[in-house]
Amino acid sequence: MQKKFLFMVFILVCWASPVLAHDFWAGAKDSAVGQPANVFLGFGHDFPEPDEIKPETYAERYDPVTLIGVSGPIALKAGDQAQNFVSEGPLSAGSYYVLVNSKVGFASRTPSGYVRKSKAEDPTATTCSYGGNFGKNLINLDPASDDSFVTKPVGHKLEIVPQVNPETVKVGEKFPVKVLLDGSPLPRATVEAFFAGFYEDNEALAFSASTDKDGLVYIIPLRPGKWLANVSHTVPYSDLKVCDREAYGASLAFTIK
């Protein structure tokens, strides 16, 4: 049920297509030390392969993809599609995060379609949501033994923060992650995860569990490969005359070897 709600968050906030089964993630093609990074904003129902986003849609709905390492942001140049980017230089050994997010704001359903306005701005609106989506992808290239970079928050409104580097997690072992909202632990949040190639339908999940009072949950990866974890959070908007709800979604893409 959490996944169904997450899809609705994507639709209302990101102006997604009418198809419900869409995920939102930070993507990275296979990388190697000494080679440039190829990163992208992922959106679609075939993780880790994304749907193509038109340039005008990308500019309107999303902030630029960023890539950060232990020393800070890494310069990117445009790739072959609107949501694709390539690092200007080769990557050295270490860990990196690819970061993506939709533009935070209002999205309302009206008789003529979705508009980026509140109910106060468009009286014809029947439903309204305020919020956005955030994604992180962890790239490990011969990472150092110090995992402090991997386990630090990046500052997203809602985010899933690894408590250890998944590079060290074996199949069937517990992978601890913490969910933060505005930098504070979010208890009773449902975290769901699946691996690339997993058959998704409205009910099936590879993993689902709720965070404890400290925002902590243990993902148990049952097979190696690329994984995507999702979480969402919604509360009533502060002024129901302006909008119905405040809703956010977050994802973490990681690899189990």
Protein backbone atom coordinates (compact mmCIF):
# COMPACT_ATOMS: atom_id res chain seq x y z
CA MET A 1 0.00 0.00 0.00
CA GLN A 2 2.93 2.32 0.69
CA LYS A 3 4.11 1.88 -2.90
CA LYS A 4 0.66 2.82 -4.22
CA PHE A 5 0.78 6.04 -2.21
CA LEU A 6 4.31 6.76 -3.37
CA PHE A 7 3.14 6.54 -6.97
CA MET A 8 0.41 9.12 -6.23
CA VAL A 9 3.01 11.44 -4.72
CA PHE A 10 4.97 11.20 -7.97
CA ILE A 11 1.86 11.95 -10.03
CA LEU A 12 0.71 14.97 -8.04
CA VAL A 13 4.12 16.51 -7.42
CA CYS A 14 6.08 15.58 -10.55
CA TRP A 15 3.23 15.74 -13.08
CA ALA A 16 3.91 12.18 -14.06
CA SER A 17 2.19 10.39 -16.92
CA PRO A 18 -1.14 8.62 -16.18
CA VAL A 19 0.71 5.30 -15.72
CA LEU A 20 0.89 4.59 -11.97
CA ALA A 21 3.83 2.19 -11.80
CA HIS A 22 6.62 4.76 -11.91
CA ASP A 23 9.64 5.06 -9.65
CA PHE A 24 11.95 8.05 -9.18
CA TRP A 25 15.65 7.56 -8.56
CA ALA A 26 19.19 8.85 -9.02
CA GLY A 27 20.90 6.74 -11.65
CA ALA A 28 24.46 5.88 -12.62
CA LYS A 29 25.82 3.66 -15.35
CA ASP A 30 28.58 1.24 -14.35
CA SER A 31 31.62 3.30 -13.37
CA ALA A 32 35.32 2.53 -13.02
CA VAL A 33 38.33 4.27 -11.49
CA GLY A 34 39.98 6.49 -14.09
CA GLN A 35 36.82 6.82 -16.19
CA PRO A 36 34.22 9.64 -16.31
CA ALA A 37 30.96 9.07 -14.47
CA ASN A 38 27.69 8.78 -16.42
CA VAL A 39 24.80 9.82 -14.19
CA PHE A 40 21.12 10.56 -14.75
CA LEU A 41 17.70 11.23 -13.27
CA GLY A 42 15.72 8.00 -13.41
CA PHE A 43 11.96 7.89 -13.84
CA GLY A 44 9.88 4.97 -15.03
CA HIS A 45 8.77 1.43 -14.25
CA ASP A 46 11.88 -0.49 -15.38
CA PHE A 47 14.57 0.30 -12.77
CA PRO A 48 17.50 0.71 -13.36
CA GLU A 49 16.65 1.66 -16.98
CA PRO A 50 14.88 5.07 -17.10
CA ASP A 51 12.26 6.49 -19.42
CA GLU A 52 13.52 9.35 -21.56
CA ILE A 53 12.48 12.80 -20.34
CA LYS A 54 11.94 15.58 -22.87
CA PRO A 55 14.21 18.63 -22.43
CA GLU A 56 11.32 21.01 -21.75
CA THR A 57 9.85 18.61 -19.18
CA TYR A 58 13.18 18.15 -17.43
CA ALA A 59 13.75 21.91 -17.20
CA GLU A 60 10.23 22.53 -15.88
CA ARG A 61 9.93 19.77 -13.30
CA TYR A 62 13.41 18.91 -12.02
CA ASP A 63 16.53 20.51 -10.58
CA PRO A 64 19.88 19.64 -12.21
CA VAL A 65 21.52 16.30 -11.40
CA THR A 66 24.51 16.67 -9.09
CA LEU A 67 27.43 14.42 -8.21
CA ILE A 68 29.35 14.78 -4.94
CA GLY A 69 32.40 13.10 -3.45
CA VAL A 70 34.25 13.39 -0.18
CA SER A 71 35.83 16.66 -1.40
CA GLY A 72 32.55 18.21 -2.60
CA PRO A 73 30.64 18.67 -5.89
CA ILE A 74 32.07 17.29 -9.13
CA ALA A 75 31.59 19.25 -12.37
CA LEU A 76 29.19 17.69 -14.87
CA LYS A 77 28.49 18.35 -18.54
CA ALA A 78 25.40 17.54 -20.59
CA GLY A 79 24.98 14.00 -21.89
CA ASP A 80 23.05 12.54 -24.79
CA GLN A 81 19.62 13.12 -23.20
CA ALA A 82 18.11 15.91 -21.11
CA GLN A 83 18.43 14.00 -17.83
CA ASN A 84 21.89 12.52 -18.57
CA PHE A 85 25.21 14.02 -17.48
CA VAL A 86 28.90 13.10 -17.66
CA SER A 87 31.64 14.17 -15.24
CA GLU A 88 34.16 16.53 -16.82
CA GLY A 89 37.03 14.44 -15.50
CA PRO A 90 37.66 10.82 -14.53
CA LEU A 91 36.72 9.52 -11.10
CA SER A 92 39.35 8.47 -8.60
CA ALA A 93 38.94 5.69 -6.04
CA GLY A 94 36.34 6.41 -3.37
CA SER A 95 32.61 6.76 -2.78
CA TYR A 96 30.23 9.19 -4.51
CA TYR A 97 26.58 10.20 -4.35
CA VAL A 98 24.44 11.04 -7.37
CA LEU A 99 21.65 13.41 -6.23
CA VAL A 100 18.37 14.26 -7.96
CA ASN A 101 15.16 16.00 -6.97
CA SER A 102 11.98 17.38 -8.43
CA LYS A 103 11.18 21.06 -8.01
CA VAL A 104 9.36 21.46 -4.70
CA GLY A 105 6.02 23.23 -5.03
CA PHE A 106 2.26 22.97 -5.51
CA ALA A 107 0.54 20.58 -7.91
CA SER A 108 -3.24 20.66 -8.22
CA ARG A 109 -5.71 18.65 -10.23
CA THR A 110 -8.22 20.74 -12.16
CA PRO A 111 -10.89 19.90 -14.75
CA SER A 112 -8.40 20.87 -17.47
CA GLY A 113 -5.43 18.92 -16.03
CA TYR A 114 -2.65 19.37 -13.49
CA VAL A 115 -1.31 22.85 -12.74
CA ARG A 116 1.54 24.05 -10.55
CA LYS A 117 -0.76 26.16 -8.40
CA SER A 118 -2.46 25.92 -5.02
CA LYS A 119 -6.21 25.82 -4.46
CA ALA A 120 -6.02 29.46 -3.44
CA GLU A 121 -4.40 30.31 -6.79
CA ASP A 122 -6.81 28.17 -8.86
CA PRO A 123 -10.34 27.86 -7.40
CA THR A 124 -11.17 25.10 -9.91
CA ALA A 125 -8.66 22.75 -8.26
CA THR A 126 -10.20 19.58 -6.83
CA THR A 127 -7.09 18.17 -5.11
CA CYS A 128 -3.78 19.76 -4.19
CA SER A 129 -0.40 18.51 -2.99
CA TYR A 130 2.69 20.43 -1.96
CA GLY A 131 6.07 18.72 -1.92
CA GLY A 132 8.65 16.95 -4.04
CA ASN A 133 10.75 13.85 -4.59
CA PHE A 134 14.41 13.21 -3.80
CA GLY A 135 16.80 10.50 -4.93
CA LYS A 136 20.33 9.33 -4.02
CA ASN A 137 22.58 6.77 -5.69
CA LEU A 138 25.71 5.50 -3.98
CA ILE A 139 28.68 4.75 -6.25
CA ASN A 140 31.55 2.77 -4.73
CA LEU A 141 34.89 2.68 -6.56
CA ASP A 142 37.43 0.88 -4.40
CA PRO A 143 36.10 2.83 -1.39
CA ALA A 144 38.34 3.64 1.55
CA SER A 145 37.82 1.99 4.94
CA ASP A 146 36.47 5.29 6.31
CA ASP A 147 32.75 5.31 5.49
CA SER A 148 31.93 8.62 7.18
CA PHE A 149 31.04 10.22 3.83
CA VAL A 150 28.60 7.44 2.95
CA THR A 151 26.76 7.63 6.28
CA LYS A 152 26.35 11.41 6.37
CA PRO A 153 23.04 13.05 5.32
CA VAL A 154 23.15 15.10 2.10
CA GLY A 155 20.49 17.57 3.28
CA HIS A 156 17.39 16.45 1.36
CA LYS A 157 14.03 17.27 2.94
CA LEU A 158 13.35 13.53 3.18
CA GLU A 159 16.18 11.03 2.77
CA ILE A 160 17.34 7.49 3.41
CA VAL A 161 20.79 7.47 5.00
CA PRO A 162 22.93 4.29 5.04
CA GLN A 163 24.41 3.54 8.45
CA VAL A 164 27.14 1.40 6.88
CA ASN A 165 28.51 1.21 3.37
CA PRO A 166 26.47 -1.43 1.46
CA GLU A 167 29.81 -2.42 -0.07
CA THR A 168 30.37 -4.34 3.18
CA VAL A 169 26.93 -5.99 3.28
CA LYS A 170 26.56 -9.57 2.08
CA VAL A 171 23.42 -11.18 0.68
CA GLY A 172 21.04 -12.03 3.52
CA GLU A 173 22.74 -9.73 6.03
CA LYS A 174 21.08 -6.69 7.60
CA PHE A 175 21.71 -3.34 5.89
CA PRO A 176 20.84 -0.58 8.40
CA VAL A 177 19.47 2.69 7.04
CA LYS A 178 17.94 5.70 8.77
CA VAL A 179 15.08 7.84 7.44
CA LEU A 180 15.39 11.57 8.12
CA LEU A 181 12.80 14.31 7.69
CA ASP A 182 14.26 17.82 7.94
CA GLY A 183 17.39 16.20 9.38
CA SER A 184 15.56 14.43 12.23
CA PRO A 185 14.75 10.70 12.51
CA LEU A 186 11.31 9.77 11.16
CA PRO A 187 9.66 6.95 13.14
CA ARG A 188 6.97 4.61 11.78
CA ALA A 189 7.90 5.30 8.15
CA THR A 190 7.51 2.34 5.79
CA VAL A 191 10.63 1.59 3.76
CA GLU A 192 10.18 -0.64 0.71
CA ALA A 193 12.88 -2.05 -1.54
CA PHE A 194 13.26 -4.22 -4.62
CA PHE A 195 16.10 -5.35 -6.85
CA ALA A 196 16.59 -4.84 -10.58
CA GLY A 197 14.56 -7.41 -12.48
CA PHE A 198 12.19 -8.07 -9.60
CA TYR A 199 8.62 -8.60 -10.73
CA GLU A 200 6.55 -5.70 -9.42
CA ASP A 201 2.78 -5.62 -9.11
CA ASN A 202 0.42 -3.77 -6.79
CA GLU A 203 1.24 -5.98 -3.80
CA ALA A 204 4.56 -7.80 -4.33
CA LEU A 205 7.69 -6.38 -2.69
CA ALA A 206 11.16 -7.76 -2.12
CA PHE A 207 11.32 -5.95 1.26
CA SER A 208 9.02 -3.83 3.42
CA ALA A 209 9.38 -2.75 7.06
CA SER A 210 8.76 0.30 9.27
CA THR A 211 11.37 2.45 10.98
CA ASP A 212 11.70 2.37 14.76
CA LYS A 213 11.54 5.35 17.11
CA ASP A 214 15.02 6.40 15.94
CA GLY A 215 14.11 6.28 12.24
CA LEU A 216 16.13 3.09 11.80
CA VAL A 217 15.23 0.04 9.70
CA TYR A 218 17.24 -2.96 8.52
CA ILE A 219 16.91 -3.79 4.82
CA ILE A 220 17.66 -7.45 4.12
CA PRO A 221 18.94 -7.82 0.53
CA LEU A 222 18.15 -11.36 -0.62
CA ARG A 223 20.28 -11.30 -3.75
CA PRO A 224 23.19 -9.36 -5.24
CA GLY A 225 22.75 -6.58 -7.77
CA LYS A 226 21.21 -3.12 -7.98
CA TRP A 227 18.55 -2.25 -5.39
CA LEU A 228 16.14 0.66 -4.95
CA ALA A 229 14.66 1.61 -1.56
CA ASN A 230 11.69 4.00 -1.31
CA VAL A 231 9.96 5.90 1.48
CA SER A 232 7.22 8.55 1.53
CA HIS A 233 5.75 10.94 4.06
CA THR A 234 2.52 12.93 4.01
CA VAL A 235 0.75 15.25 6.44
CA PRO A 236 -2.21 17.65 6.06
CA TYR A 237 -1.19 21.02 4.66
CA SER A 238 -1.06 23.78 7.27
CA ASP A 239 -3.94 25.68 5.61
CA LEU A 240 -6.52 23.41 3.96
CA LYS A 241 -7.96 26.37 2.07
CA VAL A 242 -4.64 26.60 0.24
CA CYS A 243 -3.80 22.92 -0.26
CA ASP A 244 -4.80 19.46 0.97
CA ARG A 245 -1.53 17.80 1.85
CA GLU A 246 2.22 18.13 2.12
CA ALA A 247 3.86 15.03 0.58
CA TYR A 248 7.43 13.93 -0.07
CA GLY A 249 9.08 10.85 -1.52
CA ALA A 250 12.69 9.70 -1.28
CA SER A 251 14.72 6.86 -2.76
CA LEU A 252 18.15 5.32 -2.29
CA ALA A 253 19.79 3.28 -5.06
CA PHE A 254 22.62 1.00 -3.98
CA THR A 255 24.47 -2.15 -5.05
CA ILE A 256 24.95 -5.42 -3.18
CA LYS A 257 27.91 -7.39 -4.47
